[in-house]
Amino acid sequence: MVNYSEKDGSLRFQVRVVPRASRSEILGAYDGALRIRIAAPPVENAANEELLRVLAEALGVRRSAVEITAGHASKIKTVRIMSADPNVIQWLRQA
């Protein structure tokens, strides 16, 4: 299960990124964080942009509703989803 917090109508949780994978995919929960493989290299913000795109698509929210709040240059990042939609919460619980 992914540990998350809800505050001011948004959700925050940690993501563990594996850059330079053969394809971008969500692997599931790992040590309380969501583990995601990213096909983009970690240069010039490419991996972060791909991470946001993958999360927005998987959660069914707009790309602008997803942001990295901490760990921009780290493999472990804190992400905020600007929606506390019950479907998003359920998705995180099942990951």
PDB file of N, CA and C in Angstrom:
ATOM      1  N   MET A   1       0.836  -1.175   0.000  1.00  0.00           N
ATOM      2  CA  MET A   1       0.000   0.000   0.000  1.00  0.00           C
ATOM      3  C   MET A   1       0.887   1.248   0.000  1.00  0.00           C
ATOM      4  N   VAL A   2       0.456   2.249  -0.727  1.00  0.00           N
ATOM      5  CA  VAL A   2       1.173   3.516  -0.804  1.00  0.00           C
ATOM      6  C   VAL A   2       0.710   4.406   0.348  1.00  0.00           C
ATOM      7  N   ASN A   3       1.648   4.897   1.139  1.00  0.00           N
ATOM      8  CA  ASN A   3       1.313   5.833   2.204  1.00  0.00           C
ATOM      9  C   ASN A   3       1.051   7.199   1.583  1.00  0.00           C
ATOM     10  N   TYR A   4      -0.051   7.813   1.943  1.00  0.00           N
ATOM     11  CA  TYR A   4      -0.395   9.123   1.403  1.00  0.00           C
ATOM     12  C   TYR A   4      -0.998   9.982   2.502  1.00  0.00           C
ATOM     13  N   SER A   5      -1.003  11.281   2.269  1.00  0.00           N
ATOM     14  CA  SER A   5      -1.665  12.193   3.194  1.00  0.00           C
ATOM     15  C   SER A   5      -2.589  13.083   2.386  1.00  0.00           C
ATOM     16  N   GLU A   6      -3.650  13.487   3.026  1.00  0.00           N
ATOM     17  CA  GLU A   6      -4.636  14.351   2.381  1.00  0.00           C
ATOM     18  C   GLU A   6      -4.647  15.687   3.109  1.00  0.00           C
ATOM     19  N   LYS A   7      -4.487  16.778   2.347  1.00  0.00           N
ATOM     20  CA  LYS A   7      -4.454  18.101   2.950  1.00  0.00           C
ATOM     21  C   LYS A   7      -4.962  19.124   1.943  1.00  0.00           C
ATOM     22  N   ASP A   8      -5.859  19.965   2.368  1.00  0.00           N
ATOM     23  CA  ASP A   8      -6.391  21.049   1.535  1.00  0.00           C
ATOM     24  C   ASP A   8      -6.924  20.548   0.190  1.00  0.00           C
ATOM     25  N   GLY A   9      -7.583  19.400   0.182  1.00  0.00           N
ATOM     26  CA  GLY A   9      -8.168  18.871  -1.040  1.00  0.00           C
ATOM     27  C   GLY A   9      -7.188  18.255  -2.006  1.00  0.00           C
ATOM     28  N   SER A  10      -5.955  18.012  -1.565  1.00  0.00           N
ATOM     29  CA  SER A  10      -4.967  17.376  -2.447  1.00  0.00           C
ATOM     30  C   SER A  10      -4.338  16.189  -1.721  1.00  0.00           C
ATOM     31  N   LEU A  11      -3.729  15.322  -2.497  1.00  0.00           N
ATOM     32  CA  LEU A  11      -3.063  14.140  -1.954  1.00  0.00           C
ATOM     33  C   LEU A  11      -1.562  14.262  -2.151  1.00  0.00           C
ATOM     34  N   ARG A  12      -0.805  13.810  -1.170  1.00  0.00           N
ATOM     35  CA  ARG A  12       0.661  13.792  -1.265  1.00  0.00           C
ATOM     36  C   ARG A  12       1.130  12.376  -0.963  1.00  0.00           C
ATOM     37  N   PHE A  13       2.093  11.920  -1.759  1.00  0.00           N
ATOM     38  CA  PHE A  13       2.681  10.606  -1.534  1.00  0.00           C
ATOM     39  C   PHE A  13       4.071  10.582  -2.148  1.00  0.00           C
ATOM     40  N   GLN A  14       4.841   9.567  -1.789  1.00  0.00           N
ATOM     41  CA  GLN A  14       6.193   9.446  -2.311  1.00  0.00           C
ATOM     42  C   GLN A  14       6.233   8.501  -3.494  1.00  0.00           C
ATOM     43  N   VAL A  15       7.140   8.809  -4.409  1.00  0.00           N
ATOM     44  CA  VAL A  15       7.361   7.996  -5.597  1.00  0.00           C
ATOM     45  C   VAL A  15       8.837   7.633  -5.644  1.00  0.00           C
ATOM     46  N   ARG A  16       9.124   6.373  -5.901  1.00  0.00           N
ATOM     47  CA  ARG A  16      10.500   5.901  -6.083  1.00  0.00           C
ATOM     48  C   ARG A  16      10.675   5.666  -7.581  1.00  0.00           C
ATOM     49  N   VAL A  17      11.537   6.460  -8.213  1.00  0.00           N
ATOM     50  CA  VAL A  17      11.706   6.443  -9.665  1.00  0.00           C
ATOM     51  C   VAL A  17      12.903   5.588 -10.071  1.00  0.00           C
ATOM     52  N   VAL A  18      12.706   4.790 -11.124  1.00  0.00           N
ATOM     53  CA  VAL A  18      13.775   4.020 -11.740  1.00  0.00           C
ATOM     54  C   VAL A  18      13.936   4.584 -13.152  1.00  0.00           C
ATOM     55  N   PRO A  19      14.921   5.473 -13.371  1.00  0.00           N
ATOM     56  CA  PRO A  19      15.081   6.094 -14.689  1.00  0.00           C
ATOM     57  C   PRO A  19      15.759   5.170 -15.699  1.00  0.00           C
ATOM     58  N   ARG A  20      15.693   5.564 -16.954  1.00  0.00           N
ATOM     59  CA  ARG A  20      16.330   4.845 -18.074  1.00  0.00           C
ATOM     60  C   ARG A  20      15.836   3.418 -18.241  1.00  0.00           C
ATOM     61  N   ALA A  21      14.569   3.187 -17.962  1.00  0.00           N
ATOM     62  CA  ALA A  21      13.981   1.863 -18.167  1.00  0.00           C
ATOM     63  C   ALA A  21      13.648   1.688 -19.642  1.00  0.00           C
ATOM     64  N   SER A  22      13.367   0.465 -20.049  1.00  0.00           N
ATOM     65  CA  SER A  22      13.028   0.225 -21.447  1.00  0.00           C
ATOM     66  C   SER A  22      11.669   0.804 -21.798  1.00  0.00           C
ATOM     67  N   ARG A  23      10.788   0.928 -20.801  1.00  0.00           N
ATOM     68  CA  ARG A  23       9.484   1.557 -21.009  1.00  0.00           C
ATOM     69  C   ARG A  23       8.987   2.131 -19.688  1.00  0.00           C
ATOM     70  N   SER A  24       8.110   3.107 -19.776  1.00  0.00           N
ATOM     71  CA  SER A  24       7.542   3.719 -18.577  1.00  0.00           C
ATOM     72  C   SER A  24       6.370   2.878 -18.092  1.00  0.00           C
ATOM     73  N   GLU A  25       6.395   2.540 -16.797  1.00  0.00           N
ATOM     74  CA  GLU A  25       5.312   1.745 -16.224  1.00  0.00           C
ATOM     75  C   GLU A  25       5.296   1.885 -14.708  1.00  0.00           C
ATOM     76  N   ILE A  26       4.123   1.710 -14.145  1.00  0.00           N
ATOM     77  CA  ILE A  26       3.960   1.747 -12.697  1.00  0.00           C
ATOM     78  C   ILE A  26       4.075   0.318 -12.188  1.00  0.00           C
ATOM     79  N   LEU A  27       4.991   0.113 -11.244  1.00  0.00           N
ATOM     80  CA  LEU A  27       5.246  -1.228 -10.731  1.00  0.00           C
ATOM     81  C   LEU A  27       4.398  -1.560  -9.511  1.00  0.00           C
ATOM     82  N   GLY A  28       3.991  -0.557  -8.751  1.00  0.00           N
ATOM     83  CA  GLY A  28       3.198  -0.794  -7.551  1.00  0.00           C
ATOM     84  C   GLY A  28       3.885  -0.251  -6.315  1.00  0.00           C
ATOM     85  N   ALA A  29       3.350  -0.623  -5.164  1.00  0.00           N
ATOM     86  CA  ALA A  29       3.867  -0.120  -3.896  1.00  0.00           C
ATOM     87  C   ALA A  29       5.189  -0.797  -3.551  1.00  0.00           C
ATOM     88  N   TYR A  30       6.102   0.000  -2.987  1.00  0.00           N
ATOM     89  CA  TYR A  30       7.393  -0.508  -2.537  1.00  0.00           C
ATOM     90  C   TYR A  30       7.818   0.315  -1.338  1.00  0.00           C
ATOM     91  N   ASP A  31       7.832  -0.284  -0.172  1.00  0.00           N
ATOM     92  CA  ASP A  31       8.283   0.382   1.046  1.00  0.00           C
ATOM     93  C   ASP A  31       7.504   1.673   1.310  1.00  0.00           C
ATOM     94  N   GLY A  32       6.191   1.658   1.090  1.00  0.00           N
ATOM     95  CA  GLY A  32       5.337   2.815   1.364  1.00  0.00           C
ATOM     96  C   GLY A  32       5.272   3.848   0.262  1.00  0.00           C
ATOM     97  N   ALA A  33       6.064   3.662  -0.792  1.00  0.00           N
ATOM     98  CA  ALA A  33       6.081   4.603  -1.919  1.00  0.00           C
ATOM     99  C   ALA A  33       5.584   3.888  -3.173  1.00  0.00           C
ATOM    100  N   LEU A  34       5.241   4.656  -4.177  1.00  0.00           N
ATOM    101  CA  LEU A  34       4.834   4.113  -5.462  1.00  0.00           C
ATOM    102  C   LEU A  34       6.078   3.997  -6.335  1.00  0.00           C
ATOM    103  N   ARG A  35       6.379   2.801  -6.809  1.00  0.00           N
ATOM    104  CA  ARG A  35       7.582   2.580  -7.624  1.00  0.00           C
ATOM    105  C   ARG A  35       7.202   2.658  -9.097  1.00  0.00           C
ATOM    106  N   ILE A  36       7.939   3.495  -9.846  1.00  0.00           N
ATOM    107  CA  ILE A  36       7.630   3.736 -11.249  1.00  0.00           C
ATOM    108  C   ILE A  36       8.908   3.671 -12.080  1.00  0.00           C
ATOM    109  N   ARG A  37       8.863   2.924 -13.162  1.00  0.00           N
ATOM    110  CA  ARG A  37       9.965   2.911 -14.130  1.00  0.00           C
ATOM    111  C   ARG A  37       9.698   4.016 -15.149  1.00  0.00           C
ATOM    112  N   ILE A  38      10.742   4.760 -15.481  1.00  0.00           N
ATOM    113  CA  ILE A  38      10.637   5.873 -16.421  1.00  0.00           C
ATOM    114  C   ILE A  38      11.604   5.633 -17.570  1.00  0.00           C
ATOM    115  N   ALA A  39      11.105   5.728 -18.798  1.00  0.00           N
ATOM    116  CA  ALA A  39      11.935   5.485 -19.979  1.00  0.00           C
ATOM    117  C   ALA A  39      12.879   6.643 -20.273  1.00  0.00           C
ATOM    118  N   ALA A  40      12.593   7.801 -19.757  1.00  0.00           N
ATOM    119  CA  ALA A  40      13.417   8.988 -20.042  1.00  0.00           C
ATOM    120  C   ALA A  40      14.659   9.011 -19.146  1.00  0.00           C
ATOM    121  N   PRO A  41      15.745   9.591 -19.647  1.00  0.00           N
ATOM    122  CA  PRO A  41      16.950   9.729 -18.825  1.00  0.00           C
ATOM    123  C   PRO A  41      16.792  10.895 -17.839  1.00  0.00           C
ATOM    124  N   PRO A  42      17.527  10.863 -16.730  1.00  0.00           N
ATOM    125  CA  PRO A  42      17.403  11.926 -15.728  1.00  0.00           C
ATOM    126  C   PRO A  42      18.232  13.161 -16.080  1.00  0.00           C
ATOM    127  N   VAL A  43      18.052  13.692 -17.268  1.00  0.00           N
ATOM    128  CA  VAL A  43      18.758  14.903 -17.688  1.00  0.00           C
ATOM    129  C   VAL A  43      17.759  15.922 -18.209  1.00  0.00           C
ATOM    130  N   GLU A  44      18.056  17.176 -17.954  1.00  0.00           N
ATOM    131  CA  GLU A  44      17.235  18.295 -18.418  1.00  0.00           C
ATOM    132  C   GLU A  44      15.753  18.115 -18.100  1.00  0.00           C
ATOM    133  N   ASN A  45      15.453  17.567 -16.928  1.00  0.00           N
ATOM    134  CA  ASN A  45      14.090  17.433 -16.426  1.00  0.00           C
ATOM    135  C   ASN A  45      13.233  16.439 -17.214  1.00  0.00           C
ATOM    136  N   ALA A  46      13.819  15.661 -18.112  1.00  0.00           N
ATOM    137  CA  ALA A  46      13.052  14.736 -18.947  1.00  0.00           C
ATOM    138  C   ALA A  46      12.374  13.644 -18.117  1.00  0.00           C
ATOM    139  N   ALA A  47      13.071  13.084 -17.148  1.00  0.00           N
ATOM    140  CA  ALA A  47      12.493  12.026 -16.320  1.00  0.00           C
ATOM    141  C   ALA A  47      11.346  12.562 -15.464  1.00  0.00           C
ATOM    142  N   ASN A  48      11.492  13.765 -14.924  1.00  0.00           N
ATOM    143  CA  ASN A  48      10.422  14.349 -14.120  1.00  0.00           C
ATOM    144  C   ASN A  48       9.171  14.601 -14.958  1.00  0.00           C
ATOM    145  N   GLU A  49       9.343  15.108 -16.162  1.00  0.00           N
ATOM    146  CA  GLU A  49       8.204  15.357 -17.039  1.00  0.00           C
ATOM    147  C   GLU A  49       7.504  14.058 -17.419  1.00  0.00           C
ATOM    148  N   GLU A  50       8.278  13.028 -17.697  1.00  0.00           N
ATOM    149  CA  GLU A  50       7.696  11.729 -18.025  1.00  0.00           C
ATOM    150  C   GLU A  50       6.968  11.143 -16.822  1.00  0.00           C
ATOM    151  N   LEU A  51       7.529  11.314 -15.637  1.00  0.00           N
ATOM    152  CA  LEU A  51       6.874  10.853 -14.412  1.00  0.00           C
ATOM    153  C   LEU A  51       5.510  11.509 -14.247  1.00  0.00           C
ATOM    154  N   LEU A  52       5.444  12.817 -14.425  1.00  0.00           N
ATOM    155  CA  LEU A  52       4.172  13.530 -14.279  1.00  0.00           C
ATOM    156  C   LEU A  52       3.160  13.076 -15.323  1.00  0.00           C
ATOM    157  N   ARG A  53       3.612  12.840 -16.544  1.00  0.00           N
ATOM    158  CA  ARG A  53       2.720  12.376 -17.600  1.00  0.00           C
ATOM    159  C   ARG A  53       2.156  10.992 -17.275  1.00  0.00           C
ATOM    160  N   VAL A  54       3.021  10.084 -16.819  1.00  0.00           N
ATOM    161  CA  VAL A  54       2.596   8.719 -16.493  1.00  0.00           C
ATOM    162  C   VAL A  54       1.592   8.726 -15.336  1.00  0.00           C
ATOM    163  N   LEU A  55       1.873   9.509 -14.300  1.00  0.00           N
ATOM    164  CA  LEU A  55       0.956   9.581 -13.158  1.00  0.00           C
ATOM    165  C   LEU A  55      -0.391  10.166 -13.549  1.00  0.00           C
ATOM    166  N   ALA A  56      -0.389  11.247 -14.307  1.00  0.00           N
ATOM    167  CA  ALA A  56      -1.648  11.874 -14.717  1.00  0.00           C
ATOM    168  C   ALA A  56      -2.494  10.900 -15.529  1.00  0.00           C
ATOM    169  N   GLU A  57      -1.853  10.188 -16.443  1.00  0.00           N
ATOM    170  CA  GLU A  57      -2.580   9.221 -17.268  1.00  0.00           C
ATOM    171  C   GLU A  57      -3.148   8.087 -16.418  1.00  0.00           C
ATOM    172  N   ALA A  58      -2.351   7.545 -15.510  1.00  0.00           N
ATOM    173  CA  ALA A  58      -2.789   6.417 -14.678  1.00  0.00           C
ATOM    174  C   ALA A  58      -3.910   6.802 -13.723  1.00  0.00           C
ATOM    175  N   LEU A  59      -3.848   8.014 -13.191  1.00  0.00           N
ATOM    176  CA  LEU A  59      -4.841   8.458 -12.213  1.00  0.00           C
ATOM    177  C   LEU A  59      -6.060   9.104 -12.845  1.00  0.00           C
ATOM    178  N   GLY A  60      -5.993   9.369 -14.134  1.00  0.00           N
ATOM    179  CA  GLY A  60      -7.128   9.968 -14.821  1.00  0.00           C
ATOM    180  C   GLY A  60      -7.350  11.424 -14.470  1.00  0.00           C
ATOM    181  N   VAL A  61      -6.249  12.142 -14.240  1.00  0.00           N
ATOM    182  CA  VAL A  61      -6.343  13.578 -13.933  1.00  0.00           C
ATOM    183  C   VAL A  61      -5.555  14.354 -14.990  1.00  0.00           C
ATOM    184  N   ARG A  62      -5.793  15.661 -15.038  1.00  0.00           N
ATOM    185  CA  ARG A  62      -5.041  16.509 -15.968  1.00  0.00           C
ATOM    186  C   ARG A  62      -3.566  16.543 -15.556  1.00  0.00           C
ATOM    187  N   ARG A  63      -2.706  16.727 -16.527  1.00  0.00           N
ATOM    188  CA  ARG A  63      -1.271  16.813 -16.264  1.00  0.00           C
ATOM    189  C   ARG A  63      -0.969  17.979 -15.324  1.00  0.00           C
ATOM    190  N   SER A  64      -1.726  19.068 -15.449  1.00  0.00           N
ATOM    191  CA  SER A  64      -1.508  20.237 -14.601  1.00  0.00           C
ATOM    192  C   SER A  64      -1.927  19.996 -13.149  1.00  0.00           C
ATOM    193  N   ALA A  65      -2.625  18.897 -12.875  1.00  0.00           N
ATOM    194  CA  ALA A  65      -3.063  18.577 -11.518  1.00  0.00           C
ATOM    195  C   ALA A  65      -2.018  17.763 -10.755  1.00  0.00           C
ATOM    196  N   VAL A  66      -0.892  17.464 -11.396  1.00  0.00           N
ATOM    197  CA  VAL A  66       0.163  16.653 -10.774  1.00  0.00           C
ATOM    198  C   VAL A  66       1.434  17.481 -10.709  1.00  0.00           C
ATOM    199  N   GLU A  67       2.064  17.521  -9.524  1.00  0.00           N
ATOM    200  CA  GLU A  67       3.327  18.253  -9.412  1.00  0.00           C
ATOM    201  C   GLU A  67       4.268  17.568  -8.437  1.00  0.00           C
ATOM    202  N   ILE A  68       5.548  17.748  -8.674  1.00  0.00           N
ATOM    203  CA  ILE A  68       6.584  17.254  -7.774  1.00  0.00           C
ATOM    204  C   ILE A  68       6.865  18.362  -6.771  1.00  0.00           C
ATOM    205  N   THR A  69       6.703  18.059  -5.478  1.00  0.00           N
ATOM    206  CA  THR A  69       6.908  19.088  -4.454  1.00  0.00           C
ATOM    207  C   THR A  69       8.263  18.975  -3.770  1.00  0.00           C
ATOM    208  N   ALA A  70       8.893  17.802  -3.850  1.00  0.00           N
ATOM    209  CA  ALA A  70      10.215  17.623  -3.246  1.00  0.00           C
ATOM    210  C   ALA A  70      10.946  16.504  -3.968  1.00  0.00           C
ATOM    211  N   GLY A  71      12.268  16.613  -4.030  1.00  0.00           N
ATOM    212  CA  GLY A  71      13.092  15.570  -4.613  1.00  0.00           C
ATOM    213  C   GLY A  71      13.261  15.657  -6.112  1.00  0.00           C
ATOM    214  N   HIS A  72      13.272  16.849  -6.653  1.00  0.00           N
ATOM    215  CA  HIS A  72      13.392  17.022  -8.101  1.00  0.00           C
ATOM    216  C   HIS A  72      14.629  16.337  -8.683  1.00  0.00           C
ATOM    217  N   ALA A  73      15.713  16.298  -7.938  1.00  0.00           N
ATOM    218  CA  ALA A  73      16.949  15.688  -8.424  1.00  0.00           C
ATOM    219  C   ALA A  73      17.232  14.341  -7.759  1.00  0.00           C
ATOM    220  N   SER A  74      16.236  13.781  -7.090  1.00  0.00           N
ATOM    221  CA  SER A  74      16.409  12.541  -6.353  1.00  0.00           C
ATOM    222  C   SER A  74      15.566  11.428  -6.976  1.00  0.00           C
ATOM    223  N   LYS A  75      15.900  10.185  -6.653  1.00  0.00           N
ATOM    224  CA  LYS A  75      15.075   9.069  -7.110  1.00  0.00           C
ATOM    225  C   LYS A  75      13.811   8.928  -6.277  1.00  0.00           C
ATOM    226  N   ILE A  76      13.819   9.482  -5.071  1.00  0.00           N
ATOM    227  CA  ILE A  76      12.630   9.461  -4.216  1.00  0.00           C
ATOM    228  C   ILE A  76      12.049  10.864  -4.222  1.00  0.00           C
ATOM    229  N   LYS A  77      10.825  10.986  -4.701  1.00  0.00           N
ATOM    230  CA  LYS A  77      10.183  12.286  -4.868  1.00  0.00           C
ATOM    231  C   LYS A  77       8.874  12.322  -4.104  1.00  0.00           C
ATOM    232  N   THR A  78       8.464  13.501  -3.704  1.00  0.00           N
ATOM    233  CA  THR A  78       7.140  13.699  -3.127  1.00  0.00           C
ATOM    234  C   THR A  78       6.288  14.342  -4.205  1.00  0.00           C
ATOM    235  N   VAL A  79       5.128  13.746  -4.441  1.00  0.00           N
ATOM    236  CA  VAL A  79       4.233  14.201  -5.498  1.00  0.00           C
ATOM    237  C   VAL A  79       2.922  14.657  -4.870  1.00  0.00           C
ATOM    238  N   ARG A  80       2.356  15.709  -5.451  1.00  0.00           N
ATOM    239  CA  ARG A  80       1.053  16.195  -4.999  1.00  0.00           C
ATOM    240  C   ARG A  80       0.068  16.095  -6.159  1.00  0.00           C
ATOM    241  N   ILE A  81      -1.089  15.519  -5.875  1.00  0.00           N
ATOM    242  CA  ILE A  81      -2.186  15.440  -6.835  1.00  0.00           C
ATOM    243  C   ILE A  81      -3.239  16.425  -6.341  1.00  0.00           C
ATOM    244  N   MET A  82      -3.624  17.374  -7.176  1.00  0.00           N
ATOM    245  CA  MET A  82      -4.549  18.428  -6.773  1.00  0.00           C
ATOM    246  C   MET A  82      -6.000  17.959  -6.757  1.00  0.00           C
ATOM    247  N   SER A  83      -6.206  16.714  -6.401  1.00  0.00           N
ATOM    248  CA  SER A  83      -7.554  16.169  -6.363  1.00  0.00           C
ATOM    249  C   SER A  83      -7.611  15.098  -5.292  1.00  0.00           C
ATOM    250  N   ALA A  84      -8.581  15.190  -4.418  1.00  0.00           N
ATOM    251  CA  ALA A  84      -8.791  14.154  -3.421  1.00  0.00           C
ATOM    252  C   ALA A  84      -9.967  13.284  -3.859  1.00  0.00           C
ATOM    253  N   ASP A  85     -10.081  13.067  -5.153  1.00  0.00           N
ATOM    254  CA  ASP A  85     -11.132  12.251  -5.746  1.00  0.00           C
ATOM    255  C   ASP A  85     -11.089  10.857  -5.124  1.00  0.00           C
ATOM    256  N   PRO A  86     -12.210  10.309  -4.705  1.00  0.00           N
ATOM    257  CA  PRO A  86     -12.228   8.960  -4.128  1.00  0.00           C
ATOM    258  C   PRO A  86     -11.642   7.896  -5.062  1.00  0.00           C
ATOM    259  N   ASN A  87     -11.764   8.085  -6.375  1.00  0.00           N
ATOM    260  CA  ASN A  87     -11.180   7.116  -7.320  1.00  0.00           C
ATOM    261  C   ASN A  87      -9.660   7.116  -7.244  1.00  0.00           C
ATOM    262  N   VAL A  88      -9.058   8.289  -7.065  1.00  0.00           N
ATOM    263  CA  VAL A  88      -7.606   8.391  -6.946  1.00  0.00           C
ATOM    264  C   VAL A  88      -7.143   7.743  -5.648  1.00  0.00           C
ATOM    265  N   ILE A  89      -7.862   7.998  -4.568  1.00  0.00           N
ATOM    266  CA  ILE A  89      -7.522   7.396  -3.275  1.00  0.00           C
ATOM    267  C   ILE A  89      -7.621   5.876  -3.361  1.00  0.00           C
ATOM    268  N   GLN A  90      -8.667   5.367  -3.981  1.00  0.00           N
ATOM    269  CA  GLN A  90      -8.833   3.931  -4.132  1.00  0.00           C
ATOM    270  C   GLN A  90      -7.705   3.333  -4.965  1.00  0.00           C
ATOM    271  N   TRP A  91      -7.300   4.036  -6.009  1.00  0.00           N
ATOM    272  CA  TRP A  91      -6.211   3.567  -6.864  1.00  0.00           C
ATOM    273  C   TRP A  91      -4.916   3.453  -6.061  1.00  0.00           C
ATOM    274  N   LEU A  92      -4.636   4.460  -5.219  1.00  0.00           N
ATOM    275  CA  LEU A  92      -3.423   4.426  -4.393  1.00  0.00           C
ATOM    276  C   LEU A  92      -3.459   3.285  -3.393  1.00  0.00           C
ATOM    277  N   ARG A  93      -4.617   3.003  -2.840  1.00  0.00           N
ATOM    278  CA  ARG A  93      -4.734   1.909  -1.865  1.00  0.00           C
ATOM    279  C   ARG A  93      -4.484   0.561  -2.519  1.00  0.00           C
ATOM    280  N   GLN A  94      -4.840   0.427  -3.782  1.00  0.00           N
ATOM    281  CA  GLN A  94      -4.686  -0.856  -4.469  1.00  0.00           C
ATOM    282  C   GLN A  94      -3.300  -1.031  -5.089  1.00  0.00           C
ATOM    283  N   ALA A  95      -2.545   0.042  -5.221  1.00  0.00           N
ATOM    284  CA  ALA A  95      -1.232  -0.036  -5.882  1.00  0.00           C
ATOM    285  C   ALA A  95      -0.252  -0.870  -5.109  1.00  0.00           C
TER     286      ALA A  95
END
